[in-house]
N, C-alpha and C. Protein backbone atom coordinates (compact mmCIF):
# COMPACT_ATOMS: atom_id res chain seq x y z
N MET A 1 -37.95 -35.59 94.03
CA MET A 1 -38.81 -36.53 93.29
C MET A 1 -38.42 -36.51 91.81
N ASN A 2 -38.24 -37.70 91.23
CA ASN A 2 -37.87 -37.79 89.83
C ASN A 2 -39.06 -37.47 88.94
N ALA A 3 -38.78 -36.77 87.85
CA ALA A 3 -39.84 -36.44 86.91
C ALA A 3 -40.29 -37.69 86.17
N ASP A 4 -41.57 -37.76 85.88
CA ASP A 4 -42.13 -38.88 85.12
C ASP A 4 -41.60 -38.80 83.69
N PRO A 5 -40.90 -39.84 83.20
CA PRO A 5 -40.35 -39.80 81.84
C PRO A 5 -41.41 -39.58 80.77
N VAL A 6 -42.59 -40.12 80.99
CA VAL A 6 -43.66 -39.96 80.01
C VAL A 6 -44.09 -38.49 79.92
N VAL A 7 -44.19 -37.86 81.09
CA VAL A 7 -44.56 -36.45 81.12
C VAL A 7 -43.49 -35.60 80.44
N VAL A 8 -42.25 -35.87 80.76
CA VAL A 8 -41.13 -35.12 80.16
C VAL A 8 -41.13 -35.29 78.64
N LEU A 9 -41.31 -36.54 78.18
CA LEU A 9 -41.32 -36.81 76.74
C LEU A 9 -42.49 -36.11 76.07
N THR A 10 -43.64 -36.13 76.72
CA THR A 10 -44.83 -35.48 76.16
C THR A 10 -44.61 -33.98 76.01
N LEU A 11 -44.05 -33.35 77.03
CA LEU A 11 -43.79 -31.92 76.98
C LEU A 11 -42.74 -31.60 75.91
N ALA A 12 -41.72 -32.44 75.82
CA ALA A 12 -40.67 -32.22 74.82
C ALA A 12 -41.24 -32.31 73.40
N LEU A 13 -42.07 -33.31 73.17
CA LEU A 13 -42.67 -33.48 71.85
C LEU A 13 -43.61 -32.33 71.52
N ALA A 14 -44.35 -31.87 72.53
CA ALA A 14 -45.25 -30.74 72.32
C ALA A 14 -44.46 -29.50 71.94
N ALA A 15 -43.34 -29.27 72.61
CA ALA A 15 -42.52 -28.10 72.34
C ALA A 15 -41.88 -28.18 70.96
N ILE A 16 -41.30 -29.34 70.63
CA ILE A 16 -40.63 -29.49 69.34
C ILE A 16 -41.63 -29.45 68.19
N GLY A 17 -42.75 -30.16 68.35
CA GLY A 17 -43.76 -30.17 67.31
C GLY A 17 -44.36 -28.80 67.09
N GLY A 18 -44.66 -28.10 68.18
CA GLY A 18 -45.22 -26.75 68.06
C GLY A 18 -44.24 -25.81 67.39
N TYR A 19 -42.98 -25.90 67.77
CA TYR A 19 -41.97 -25.02 67.18
C TYR A 19 -41.83 -25.27 65.68
N LEU A 20 -41.72 -26.53 65.28
CA LEU A 20 -41.54 -26.84 63.86
C LEU A 20 -42.74 -26.40 63.04
N LEU A 21 -43.93 -26.61 63.58
CA LEU A 21 -45.13 -26.18 62.87
C LEU A 21 -45.18 -24.66 62.75
N GLY A 22 -44.86 -23.99 63.84
CA GLY A 22 -44.89 -22.53 63.83
C GLY A 22 -43.83 -21.92 62.96
N SER A 23 -42.74 -22.63 62.71
CA SER A 23 -41.63 -22.06 61.96
C SER A 23 -41.84 -22.07 60.45
N VAL A 24 -42.94 -22.64 59.98
CA VAL A 24 -43.22 -22.62 58.53
C VAL A 24 -43.52 -21.17 58.12
N PRO A 25 -42.70 -20.56 57.26
CA PRO A 25 -42.86 -19.13 56.92
C PRO A 25 -43.84 -18.92 55.76
N PHE A 26 -45.12 -18.99 56.05
CA PHE A 26 -46.11 -18.95 54.99
C PHE A 26 -46.05 -17.67 54.16
N GLY A 27 -45.79 -16.53 54.80
CA GLY A 27 -45.72 -15.28 54.05
C GLY A 27 -44.63 -15.34 52.99
N LEU A 28 -43.48 -15.88 53.35
CA LEU A 28 -42.37 -16.01 52.41
C LEU A 28 -42.70 -17.01 51.32
N VAL A 29 -43.27 -18.15 51.71
CA VAL A 29 -43.60 -19.20 50.74
C VAL A 29 -44.63 -18.70 49.73
N LEU A 30 -45.68 -18.03 50.20
CA LEU A 30 -46.75 -17.59 49.31
C LEU A 30 -46.29 -16.51 48.35
N THR A 31 -45.52 -15.55 48.86
CA THR A 31 -45.07 -14.46 47.97
C THR A 31 -44.08 -14.98 46.92
N ARG A 32 -43.23 -15.90 47.31
CA ARG A 32 -42.32 -16.49 46.33
C ARG A 32 -43.09 -17.30 45.30
N ALA A 33 -44.08 -18.05 45.74
CA ALA A 33 -44.88 -18.85 44.82
C ALA A 33 -45.65 -17.97 43.84
N ALA A 34 -46.00 -16.76 44.29
CA ALA A 34 -46.73 -15.82 43.43
C ALA A 34 -45.80 -15.01 42.53
N GLY A 35 -44.50 -15.27 42.60
CA GLY A 35 -43.55 -14.58 41.76
C GLY A 35 -43.20 -13.18 42.22
N LEU A 36 -43.40 -12.91 43.51
CA LEU A 36 -43.13 -11.58 44.04
C LEU A 36 -41.75 -11.46 44.67
N GLY A 37 -40.97 -12.52 44.61
CA GLY A 37 -39.63 -12.48 45.18
C GLY A 37 -39.64 -12.71 46.68
N ASP A 38 -38.65 -12.20 47.34
CA ASP A 38 -38.44 -12.39 48.77
C ASP A 38 -39.13 -11.27 49.55
N ILE A 39 -40.15 -11.62 50.32
CA ILE A 39 -40.91 -10.63 51.08
C ILE A 39 -40.02 -9.87 52.06
N ARG A 40 -38.91 -10.46 52.41
CA ARG A 40 -38.00 -9.83 53.37
C ARG A 40 -37.27 -8.62 52.78
N THR A 41 -37.40 -8.42 51.46
CA THR A 41 -36.80 -7.25 50.82
C THR A 41 -37.83 -6.16 50.56
N ILE A 42 -39.05 -6.37 51.03
CA ILE A 42 -40.15 -5.44 50.79
C ILE A 42 -40.59 -4.80 52.10
N GLY A 43 -40.93 -3.52 52.07
CA GLY A 43 -41.49 -2.85 53.24
C GLY A 43 -40.63 -2.98 54.47
N SER A 44 -41.22 -3.56 55.52
CA SER A 44 -40.51 -3.70 56.79
C SER A 44 -39.57 -4.90 56.82
N GLY A 45 -39.66 -5.76 55.80
CA GLY A 45 -38.85 -6.97 55.78
C GLY A 45 -39.44 -8.10 56.58
N ASN A 46 -40.61 -7.91 57.14
CA ASN A 46 -41.27 -8.91 57.96
C ASN A 46 -41.94 -9.96 57.08
N ILE A 47 -42.10 -11.18 57.60
CA ILE A 47 -42.72 -12.25 56.82
C ILE A 47 -44.21 -12.40 57.10
N GLY A 48 -44.78 -11.50 57.90
CA GLY A 48 -46.18 -11.61 58.29
C GLY A 48 -47.14 -10.96 57.32
N ALA A 49 -48.44 -11.07 57.65
CA ALA A 49 -49.51 -10.62 56.75
C ALA A 49 -49.48 -9.12 56.50
N THR A 50 -49.14 -8.32 57.52
CA THR A 50 -49.12 -6.87 57.34
C THR A 50 -48.13 -6.47 56.26
N ASN A 51 -46.97 -7.09 56.26
CA ASN A 51 -45.97 -6.75 55.23
C ASN A 51 -46.34 -7.33 53.88
N VAL A 52 -46.96 -8.51 53.88
CA VAL A 52 -47.43 -9.07 52.61
C VAL A 52 -48.44 -8.13 51.97
N LEU A 53 -49.27 -7.49 52.79
CA LEU A 53 -50.25 -6.54 52.28
C LEU A 53 -49.58 -5.39 51.53
N ARG A 54 -48.35 -5.05 51.92
CA ARG A 54 -47.63 -3.96 51.26
C ARG A 54 -47.25 -4.29 49.83
N THR A 55 -47.36 -5.56 49.44
CA THR A 55 -47.12 -5.92 48.05
C THR A 55 -48.30 -5.52 47.17
N GLY A 56 -49.42 -5.20 47.80
CA GLY A 56 -50.63 -4.86 47.05
C GLY A 56 -51.52 -6.05 46.78
N HIS A 57 -51.14 -7.21 47.24
CA HIS A 57 -51.91 -8.43 47.00
C HIS A 57 -52.70 -8.78 48.26
N LYS A 58 -53.94 -8.31 48.32
CA LYS A 58 -54.75 -8.51 49.52
C LYS A 58 -55.06 -9.99 49.75
N GLY A 59 -55.24 -10.73 48.67
CA GLY A 59 -55.54 -12.15 48.81
C GLY A 59 -54.40 -12.91 49.46
N LEU A 60 -53.17 -12.58 49.05
CA LEU A 60 -52.01 -13.23 49.66
C LEU A 60 -51.87 -12.84 51.12
N ALA A 61 -52.17 -11.58 51.43
CA ALA A 61 -52.08 -11.12 52.82
C ALA A 61 -53.10 -11.86 53.68
N LEU A 62 -54.32 -12.02 53.15
CA LEU A 62 -55.35 -12.74 53.90
C LEU A 62 -54.96 -14.20 54.09
N ALA A 63 -54.43 -14.81 53.03
CA ALA A 63 -54.01 -16.20 53.14
C ALA A 63 -52.89 -16.36 54.17
N THR A 64 -51.95 -15.41 54.18
CA THR A 64 -50.87 -15.44 55.16
C THR A 64 -51.42 -15.31 56.57
N LEU A 65 -52.36 -14.39 56.75
CA LEU A 65 -52.97 -14.18 58.06
C LEU A 65 -53.64 -15.46 58.56
N LEU A 66 -54.41 -16.10 57.69
CA LEU A 66 -55.14 -17.31 58.09
C LEU A 66 -54.19 -18.47 58.36
N LEU A 67 -53.18 -18.61 57.52
CA LEU A 67 -52.24 -19.71 57.70
C LEU A 67 -51.36 -19.51 58.94
N ASP A 68 -50.92 -18.28 59.15
CA ASP A 68 -50.11 -18.01 60.35
C ASP A 68 -50.93 -18.21 61.62
N GLY A 69 -52.19 -17.78 61.60
CA GLY A 69 -53.05 -18.03 62.75
C GLY A 69 -53.38 -19.51 62.88
N GLY A 70 -53.56 -20.15 61.74
CA GLY A 70 -53.92 -21.56 61.74
C GLY A 70 -52.85 -22.46 62.31
N LYS A 71 -51.58 -22.12 62.07
CA LYS A 71 -50.54 -23.02 62.57
C LYS A 71 -50.46 -22.98 64.10
N GLY A 72 -50.78 -21.85 64.70
CA GLY A 72 -50.87 -21.81 66.16
C GLY A 72 -52.04 -22.64 66.67
N ALA A 73 -53.17 -22.50 65.98
CA ALA A 73 -54.36 -23.25 66.37
C ALA A 73 -54.16 -24.75 66.18
N ILE A 74 -53.51 -25.13 65.09
CA ILE A 74 -53.27 -26.54 64.82
C ILE A 74 -52.32 -27.14 65.85
N ALA A 75 -51.30 -26.38 66.23
CA ALA A 75 -50.37 -26.88 67.25
C ALA A 75 -51.11 -27.18 68.55
N VAL A 76 -51.98 -26.28 68.94
CA VAL A 76 -52.78 -26.47 70.16
C VAL A 76 -53.73 -27.65 69.98
N GLY A 77 -54.39 -27.71 68.83
CA GLY A 77 -55.36 -28.77 68.59
C GLY A 77 -54.73 -30.15 68.57
N LEU A 78 -53.58 -30.26 67.94
CA LEU A 78 -52.89 -31.56 67.90
C LEU A 78 -52.43 -31.98 69.29
N ALA A 79 -51.92 -31.03 70.05
CA ALA A 79 -51.50 -31.35 71.41
C ALA A 79 -52.68 -31.81 72.25
N ALA A 80 -53.82 -31.15 72.08
CA ALA A 80 -55.02 -31.54 72.82
C ALA A 80 -55.49 -32.94 72.42
N LEU A 81 -55.42 -33.21 71.13
CA LEU A 81 -55.87 -34.51 70.62
C LEU A 81 -54.97 -35.64 71.10
N LEU A 82 -53.67 -35.40 71.07
CA LEU A 82 -52.71 -36.45 71.39
C LEU A 82 -52.49 -36.64 72.88
N THR A 83 -52.92 -35.69 73.68
CA THR A 83 -52.71 -35.81 75.14
C THR A 83 -54.03 -35.84 75.91
N ASP A 84 -55.12 -36.05 75.20
CA ASP A 84 -56.44 -36.09 75.83
C ASP A 84 -56.74 -34.82 76.62
N GLY A 85 -56.30 -33.70 76.09
CA GLY A 85 -56.65 -32.41 76.68
C GLY A 85 -55.81 -31.98 77.86
N ALA A 86 -54.63 -32.57 78.03
CA ALA A 86 -53.76 -32.15 79.13
C ALA A 86 -53.32 -30.71 78.91
N SER A 87 -53.51 -29.87 79.91
CA SER A 87 -53.34 -28.43 79.71
C SER A 87 -51.90 -28.00 79.45
N HIS A 88 -50.94 -28.56 80.16
CA HIS A 88 -49.57 -28.09 80.02
C HIS A 88 -48.97 -28.37 78.64
N PRO A 89 -49.13 -29.57 78.07
CA PRO A 89 -48.64 -29.77 76.70
C PRO A 89 -49.35 -28.87 75.69
N ILE A 90 -50.63 -28.63 75.90
CA ILE A 90 -51.38 -27.77 74.98
C ILE A 90 -50.81 -26.35 74.99
N LEU A 91 -50.64 -25.81 76.17
CA LEU A 91 -50.14 -24.44 76.30
C LEU A 91 -48.70 -24.35 75.81
N LEU A 92 -47.90 -25.37 76.10
CA LEU A 92 -46.52 -25.36 75.66
C LEU A 92 -46.43 -25.44 74.14
N ALA A 93 -47.25 -26.27 73.52
CA ALA A 93 -47.25 -26.38 72.06
C ALA A 93 -47.63 -25.06 71.42
N GLY A 94 -48.61 -24.38 71.99
CA GLY A 94 -49.02 -23.09 71.45
C GLY A 94 -47.93 -22.05 71.58
N PHE A 95 -47.32 -21.99 72.74
CA PHE A 95 -46.22 -21.04 72.94
C PHE A 95 -45.07 -21.33 71.98
N ALA A 96 -44.76 -22.62 71.82
CA ALA A 96 -43.66 -23.01 70.93
C ALA A 96 -43.97 -22.66 69.48
N ALA A 97 -45.24 -22.73 69.09
CA ALA A 97 -45.60 -22.37 67.72
C ALA A 97 -45.31 -20.90 67.44
N VAL A 98 -45.63 -20.04 68.41
CA VAL A 98 -45.33 -18.61 68.25
C VAL A 98 -43.83 -18.38 68.24
N LEU A 99 -43.12 -19.11 69.11
CA LEU A 99 -41.67 -19.01 69.14
C LEU A 99 -41.07 -19.41 67.79
N GLY A 100 -41.63 -20.47 67.20
CA GLY A 100 -41.15 -20.92 65.89
C GLY A 100 -41.41 -19.89 64.80
N HIS A 101 -42.57 -19.23 64.86
CA HIS A 101 -42.87 -18.20 63.86
C HIS A 101 -41.91 -17.01 64.01
N ASN A 102 -41.65 -16.62 65.24
CA ASN A 102 -40.81 -15.45 65.48
C ASN A 102 -39.32 -15.74 65.24
N TYR A 103 -38.92 -16.96 65.53
CA TYR A 103 -37.50 -17.32 65.42
C TYR A 103 -37.35 -18.65 64.68
N PRO A 104 -37.69 -18.69 63.39
CA PRO A 104 -37.63 -19.96 62.65
C PRO A 104 -36.20 -20.36 62.32
N VAL A 105 -35.87 -21.59 62.59
CA VAL A 105 -34.52 -22.08 62.34
C VAL A 105 -34.17 -22.00 60.87
N TRP A 106 -35.18 -22.15 59.98
CA TRP A 106 -34.94 -22.16 58.54
C TRP A 106 -34.49 -20.79 58.02
N LEU A 107 -34.82 -19.73 58.74
CA LEU A 107 -34.50 -18.37 58.28
C LEU A 107 -33.48 -17.70 59.19
N GLY A 108 -32.63 -18.49 59.80
CA GLY A 108 -31.62 -17.93 60.67
C GLY A 108 -32.20 -17.28 61.92
N PHE A 109 -33.33 -17.80 62.37
CA PHE A 109 -34.02 -17.32 63.56
C PHE A 109 -34.53 -15.88 63.41
N LYS A 110 -34.76 -15.45 62.16
CA LYS A 110 -35.29 -14.12 61.89
C LYS A 110 -36.65 -14.27 61.22
N GLY A 111 -37.71 -14.21 62.03
CA GLY A 111 -39.04 -14.45 61.53
C GLY A 111 -39.96 -13.26 61.67
N GLY A 112 -41.22 -13.55 61.97
CA GLY A 112 -42.22 -12.50 62.08
C GLY A 112 -42.38 -11.99 63.50
N LYS A 113 -43.50 -11.33 63.73
CA LYS A 113 -43.76 -10.75 65.05
C LYS A 113 -44.79 -11.55 65.84
N GLY A 114 -45.41 -12.53 65.19
CA GLY A 114 -46.20 -13.51 65.90
C GLY A 114 -47.60 -13.13 66.31
N VAL A 115 -48.12 -12.03 65.78
CA VAL A 115 -49.45 -11.59 66.23
C VAL A 115 -50.53 -12.57 65.78
N ALA A 116 -50.56 -12.90 64.49
CA ALA A 116 -51.57 -13.83 63.99
C ALA A 116 -51.44 -15.20 64.65
N THR A 117 -50.21 -15.68 64.79
CA THR A 117 -49.99 -16.98 65.41
C THR A 117 -50.38 -16.96 66.87
N THR A 118 -50.12 -15.86 67.55
CA THR A 118 -50.55 -15.72 68.95
C THR A 118 -52.06 -15.76 69.06
N LEU A 119 -52.75 -15.02 68.18
CA LEU A 119 -54.22 -15.01 68.22
C LEU A 119 -54.78 -16.39 67.92
N GLY A 120 -54.18 -17.09 66.96
CA GLY A 120 -54.64 -18.44 66.65
C GLY A 120 -54.42 -19.39 67.81
N THR A 121 -53.29 -19.25 68.46
CA THR A 121 -52.98 -20.08 69.63
C THR A 121 -53.97 -19.82 70.76
N LEU A 122 -54.19 -18.55 71.07
CA LEU A 122 -55.10 -18.21 72.17
C LEU A 122 -56.53 -18.64 71.86
N ALA A 123 -56.95 -18.47 70.61
CA ALA A 123 -58.31 -18.86 70.24
C ALA A 123 -58.52 -20.36 70.37
N ALA A 124 -57.50 -21.13 69.99
CA ALA A 124 -57.63 -22.58 70.08
C ALA A 124 -57.55 -23.07 71.52
N ALA A 125 -56.72 -22.40 72.33
CA ALA A 125 -56.59 -22.80 73.73
C ALA A 125 -57.82 -22.41 74.54
N SER A 126 -58.40 -21.25 74.22
CA SER A 126 -59.62 -20.78 74.90
C SER A 126 -60.32 -19.79 73.98
N TRP A 127 -61.40 -20.22 73.35
CA TRP A 127 -62.03 -19.37 72.35
C TRP A 127 -62.49 -18.01 72.88
N PRO A 128 -62.96 -17.90 74.15
CA PRO A 128 -63.31 -16.55 74.63
C PRO A 128 -62.10 -15.61 74.67
N VAL A 129 -60.94 -16.15 75.01
CA VAL A 129 -59.73 -15.33 75.03
C VAL A 129 -59.39 -14.88 73.61
N GLY A 130 -59.48 -15.80 72.66
CA GLY A 130 -59.20 -15.45 71.27
C GLY A 130 -60.15 -14.39 70.75
N ILE A 131 -61.44 -14.52 71.07
CA ILE A 131 -62.42 -13.54 70.62
C ILE A 131 -62.15 -12.18 71.26
N ALA A 132 -61.87 -12.17 72.55
CA ALA A 132 -61.60 -10.91 73.25
C ALA A 132 -60.38 -10.20 72.66
N CYS A 133 -59.32 -10.96 72.38
CA CYS A 133 -58.11 -10.37 71.80
C CYS A 133 -58.37 -9.90 70.37
N GLY A 134 -59.11 -10.69 69.61
CA GLY A 134 -59.43 -10.30 68.25
C GLY A 134 -60.26 -9.03 68.19
N LEU A 135 -61.24 -8.93 69.08
CA LEU A 135 -62.07 -7.72 69.13
C LEU A 135 -61.25 -6.51 69.56
N THR A 136 -60.33 -6.73 70.50
CA THR A 136 -59.45 -5.64 70.91
C THR A 136 -58.64 -5.13 69.73
N TRP A 137 -58.08 -6.06 68.96
CA TRP A 137 -57.31 -5.67 67.77
C TRP A 137 -58.18 -4.87 66.81
N LEU A 138 -59.37 -5.37 66.53
CA LEU A 138 -60.25 -4.72 65.57
C LEU A 138 -60.64 -3.30 66.00
N VAL A 139 -60.98 -3.15 67.28
CA VAL A 139 -61.41 -1.84 67.77
C VAL A 139 -60.26 -0.83 67.70
N VAL A 140 -59.10 -1.22 68.18
CA VAL A 140 -57.95 -0.30 68.17
C VAL A 140 -57.53 0.00 66.74
N ALA A 141 -57.55 -1.01 65.86
CA ALA A 141 -57.19 -0.78 64.46
C ALA A 141 -58.18 0.15 63.79
N ALA A 142 -59.48 -0.01 64.10
CA ALA A 142 -60.49 0.85 63.49
C ALA A 142 -60.36 2.30 63.95
N VAL A 143 -59.98 2.49 65.21
CA VAL A 143 -59.88 3.84 65.76
C VAL A 143 -58.60 4.54 65.30
N PHE A 144 -57.48 3.83 65.39
CA PHE A 144 -56.18 4.47 65.15
C PHE A 144 -55.58 4.15 63.77
N ARG A 145 -56.08 3.11 63.11
CA ARG A 145 -55.58 2.69 61.80
C ARG A 145 -54.08 2.37 61.83
N ILE A 146 -53.62 1.83 62.94
CA ILE A 146 -52.21 1.45 63.07
C ILE A 146 -52.16 0.00 63.53
N SER A 147 -51.64 -0.87 62.68
CA SER A 147 -51.64 -2.30 62.97
C SER A 147 -50.86 -2.63 64.23
N SER A 148 -49.69 -2.02 64.39
CA SER A 148 -48.86 -2.36 65.55
C SER A 148 -49.52 -1.93 66.85
N ALA A 149 -50.20 -0.79 66.85
CA ALA A 149 -50.89 -0.33 68.06
C ALA A 149 -51.99 -1.31 68.44
N ALA A 150 -52.71 -1.80 67.43
CA ALA A 150 -53.77 -2.78 67.68
C ALA A 150 -53.18 -4.07 68.23
N ALA A 151 -52.07 -4.50 67.65
CA ALA A 151 -51.43 -5.73 68.09
C ALA A 151 -50.94 -5.60 69.53
N LEU A 152 -50.30 -4.49 69.85
CA LEU A 152 -49.77 -4.28 71.19
C LEU A 152 -50.90 -4.22 72.23
N ALA A 153 -52.01 -3.60 71.88
CA ALA A 153 -53.15 -3.54 72.80
C ALA A 153 -53.70 -4.93 73.07
N ALA A 154 -53.83 -5.73 72.01
CA ALA A 154 -54.34 -7.10 72.18
C ALA A 154 -53.38 -7.94 73.00
N LEU A 155 -52.07 -7.79 72.74
CA LEU A 155 -51.07 -8.54 73.50
C LEU A 155 -51.08 -8.14 74.97
N ALA A 156 -51.19 -6.85 75.23
CA ALA A 156 -51.15 -6.36 76.61
C ALA A 156 -52.33 -6.88 77.43
N LEU A 157 -53.48 -6.99 76.78
CA LEU A 157 -54.69 -7.42 77.51
C LEU A 157 -54.86 -8.93 77.53
N ALA A 158 -54.11 -9.64 76.69
CA ALA A 158 -54.26 -11.10 76.60
C ALA A 158 -54.10 -11.81 77.95
N PRO A 159 -53.09 -11.47 78.76
CA PRO A 159 -52.97 -12.16 80.06
C PRO A 159 -54.18 -11.95 80.96
N LEU A 160 -54.75 -10.75 80.93
CA LEU A 160 -55.94 -10.48 81.74
C LEU A 160 -57.13 -11.28 81.25
N TYR A 161 -57.32 -11.30 79.94
CA TYR A 161 -58.40 -12.11 79.37
C TYR A 161 -58.21 -13.58 79.72
N ALA A 162 -56.97 -14.06 79.58
CA ALA A 162 -56.69 -15.47 79.85
C ALA A 162 -56.94 -15.82 81.31
N TRP A 163 -56.54 -14.93 82.21
CA TRP A 163 -56.76 -15.17 83.63
C TRP A 163 -58.26 -15.29 83.93
N TYR A 164 -59.03 -14.40 83.34
CA TYR A 164 -60.47 -14.36 83.61
C TYR A 164 -61.20 -15.56 82.99
N PHE A 165 -60.87 -15.87 81.74
CA PHE A 165 -61.62 -16.90 81.02
C PHE A 165 -61.04 -18.31 81.14
N ALA A 166 -59.73 -18.41 81.35
CA ALA A 166 -59.09 -19.73 81.27
C ALA A 166 -58.24 -20.12 82.46
N GLY A 167 -57.96 -19.20 83.36
CA GLY A 167 -57.23 -19.56 84.56
C GLY A 167 -55.75 -19.19 84.53
N PRO A 168 -55.06 -19.45 85.65
CA PRO A 168 -53.68 -19.00 85.82
C PRO A 168 -52.68 -19.57 84.81
N ALA A 169 -52.79 -20.86 84.48
CA ALA A 169 -51.83 -21.46 83.56
C ALA A 169 -51.89 -20.79 82.19
N ALA A 170 -53.10 -20.57 81.70
CA ALA A 170 -53.26 -19.89 80.41
C ALA A 170 -52.78 -18.45 80.50
N ALA A 171 -52.98 -17.82 81.64
CA ALA A 171 -52.53 -16.44 81.82
C ALA A 171 -51.01 -16.36 81.77
N VAL A 172 -50.34 -17.34 82.34
CA VAL A 172 -48.87 -17.37 82.30
C VAL A 172 -48.40 -17.49 80.86
N MET A 173 -49.03 -18.39 80.08
CA MET A 173 -48.67 -18.52 78.68
C MET A 173 -48.90 -17.21 77.94
N ALA A 174 -50.06 -16.60 78.17
CA ALA A 174 -50.39 -15.35 77.49
C ALA A 174 -49.41 -14.24 77.87
N LEU A 175 -48.97 -14.25 79.12
CA LEU A 175 -47.99 -13.26 79.56
C LEU A 175 -46.67 -13.46 78.82
N GLY A 176 -46.27 -14.72 78.68
CA GLY A 176 -45.05 -15.01 77.93
C GLY A 176 -45.16 -14.60 76.48
N LEU A 177 -46.32 -14.86 75.87
CA LEU A 177 -46.55 -14.45 74.49
C LEU A 177 -46.55 -12.93 74.36
N ALA A 178 -47.15 -12.25 75.33
CA ALA A 178 -47.17 -10.78 75.30
C ALA A 178 -45.76 -10.22 75.40
N ALA A 179 -44.95 -10.78 76.30
CA ALA A 179 -43.57 -10.31 76.46
C ALA A 179 -42.79 -10.52 75.17
N MET A 180 -42.96 -11.69 74.54
CA MET A 180 -42.26 -11.96 73.30
C MET A 180 -42.74 -11.02 72.19
N GLY A 181 -44.05 -10.79 72.17
CA GLY A 181 -44.61 -9.90 71.16
C GLY A 181 -44.13 -8.47 71.31
N PHE A 182 -44.07 -7.97 72.53
CA PHE A 182 -43.58 -6.61 72.76
C PHE A 182 -42.11 -6.51 72.36
N HIS A 183 -41.34 -7.54 72.65
CA HIS A 183 -39.93 -7.53 72.25
C HIS A 183 -39.80 -7.46 70.74
N ARG A 184 -40.62 -8.23 70.03
CA ARG A 184 -40.56 -8.25 68.57
C ARG A 184 -41.04 -6.91 67.98
N HIS A 185 -41.82 -6.16 68.74
CA HIS A 185 -42.34 -4.88 68.27
C HIS A 185 -41.54 -3.68 68.78
N HIS A 186 -40.30 -3.90 69.24
CA HIS A 186 -39.57 -2.80 69.86
C HIS A 186 -39.37 -1.62 68.90
N ALA A 187 -39.12 -1.93 67.62
CA ALA A 187 -38.95 -0.84 66.66
C ALA A 187 -40.26 -0.11 66.42
N ASN A 188 -41.37 -0.85 66.39
CA ASN A 188 -42.68 -0.22 66.23
C ASN A 188 -43.02 0.68 67.41
N ILE A 189 -42.67 0.22 68.60
CA ILE A 189 -42.94 1.02 69.80
C ILE A 189 -42.17 2.34 69.73
N ALA A 190 -40.92 2.28 69.28
CA ALA A 190 -40.13 3.50 69.15
C ALA A 190 -40.78 4.46 68.16
N ARG A 191 -41.27 3.94 67.04
CA ARG A 191 -41.92 4.79 66.05
C ARG A 191 -43.25 5.33 66.56
N LEU A 192 -43.98 4.51 67.32
CA LEU A 192 -45.24 4.99 67.89
C LEU A 192 -44.99 6.17 68.83
N LEU A 193 -43.96 6.08 69.64
CA LEU A 193 -43.64 7.15 70.58
C LEU A 193 -43.23 8.43 69.85
N LYS A 194 -42.68 8.27 68.65
CA LYS A 194 -42.27 9.43 67.85
C LYS A 194 -43.37 9.91 66.91
N GLY A 195 -44.47 9.16 66.86
CA GLY A 195 -45.56 9.51 65.95
C GLY A 195 -45.23 9.22 64.49
N GLU A 196 -44.34 8.26 64.26
CA GLU A 196 -43.86 7.96 62.91
C GLU A 196 -44.34 6.61 62.39
N GLU A 197 -45.15 5.91 63.15
CA GLU A 197 -45.60 4.58 62.71
C GLU A 197 -46.62 4.73 61.59
N PRO A 198 -46.43 4.03 60.45
CA PRO A 198 -47.36 4.15 59.33
C PRO A 198 -48.73 3.55 59.64
N ARG A 199 -49.72 4.08 58.98
CA ARG A 199 -51.07 3.57 59.17
C ARG A 199 -51.34 2.38 58.26
N ILE A 200 -52.37 1.65 58.56
CA ILE A 200 -52.73 0.46 57.79
C ILE A 200 -52.97 0.85 56.34
N GLY A 201 -52.34 0.11 55.43
CA GLY A 201 -52.49 0.38 54.01
C GLY A 201 -51.41 1.26 53.45
N ALA A 202 -50.64 1.93 54.32
CA ALA A 202 -49.56 2.79 53.85
C ALA A 202 -48.33 1.96 53.56
N SER A 203 -47.54 2.39 52.60
CA SER A 203 -46.30 1.68 52.28
C SER A 203 -45.18 2.23 53.15
N ARG A 204 -44.17 1.39 53.37
CA ARG A 204 -43.02 1.83 54.12
C ARG A 204 -41.77 1.22 53.50
N LYS A 205 -40.79 2.02 53.21
CA LYS A 205 -39.62 1.56 52.48
C LYS A 205 -38.57 0.89 53.35
N SER A 206 -38.59 1.21 54.61
CA SER A 206 -37.57 0.65 55.48
C SER A 206 -38.20 0.12 56.73
N SER A 207 -37.48 -0.82 57.39
CA SER A 207 -37.97 -1.37 58.64
C SER A 207 -37.63 -0.42 59.75
């Protein structure tokens, strides 16, 4: 059976639009605009909110967190608006937004780790899933004071939350996001196993 051209075009546009939106490197843009230079030369070299916090500018870190989460949510919201709530374009746009954040074409495909964008995507696709993942992050972060451990816990549980609250299709997307997130955190996982991962608020000179 031939694929419906309209469906194919819709999915393609959702993927491309989500990727381009997700690839906007807000952490890099904000720190440069604030005169702090290239965030990629600071701390872990990551463009996300956790590394922006290492500059000592909490306001910039918060803005990065909100904007990175927001671009995932906006990708999902726009896909929902333009497709009358069709689930597959929505989920694809959200996944593509995280992919764009992690592998932005503008930065040689070297981006962030996608935690905030993943949470924004999941929250927009299914708010109970977003809340469950956010609470998981907060609890683990409060107990262990390690950002990466909190992120990995939220990512690991996201497919289960998605299956329960939003169904199989959302669970598949969440599983893909979790796999991508774990891959992006491979260095953090190695440090966690060695007991060398820095705690929230601590500075780190190398990635």
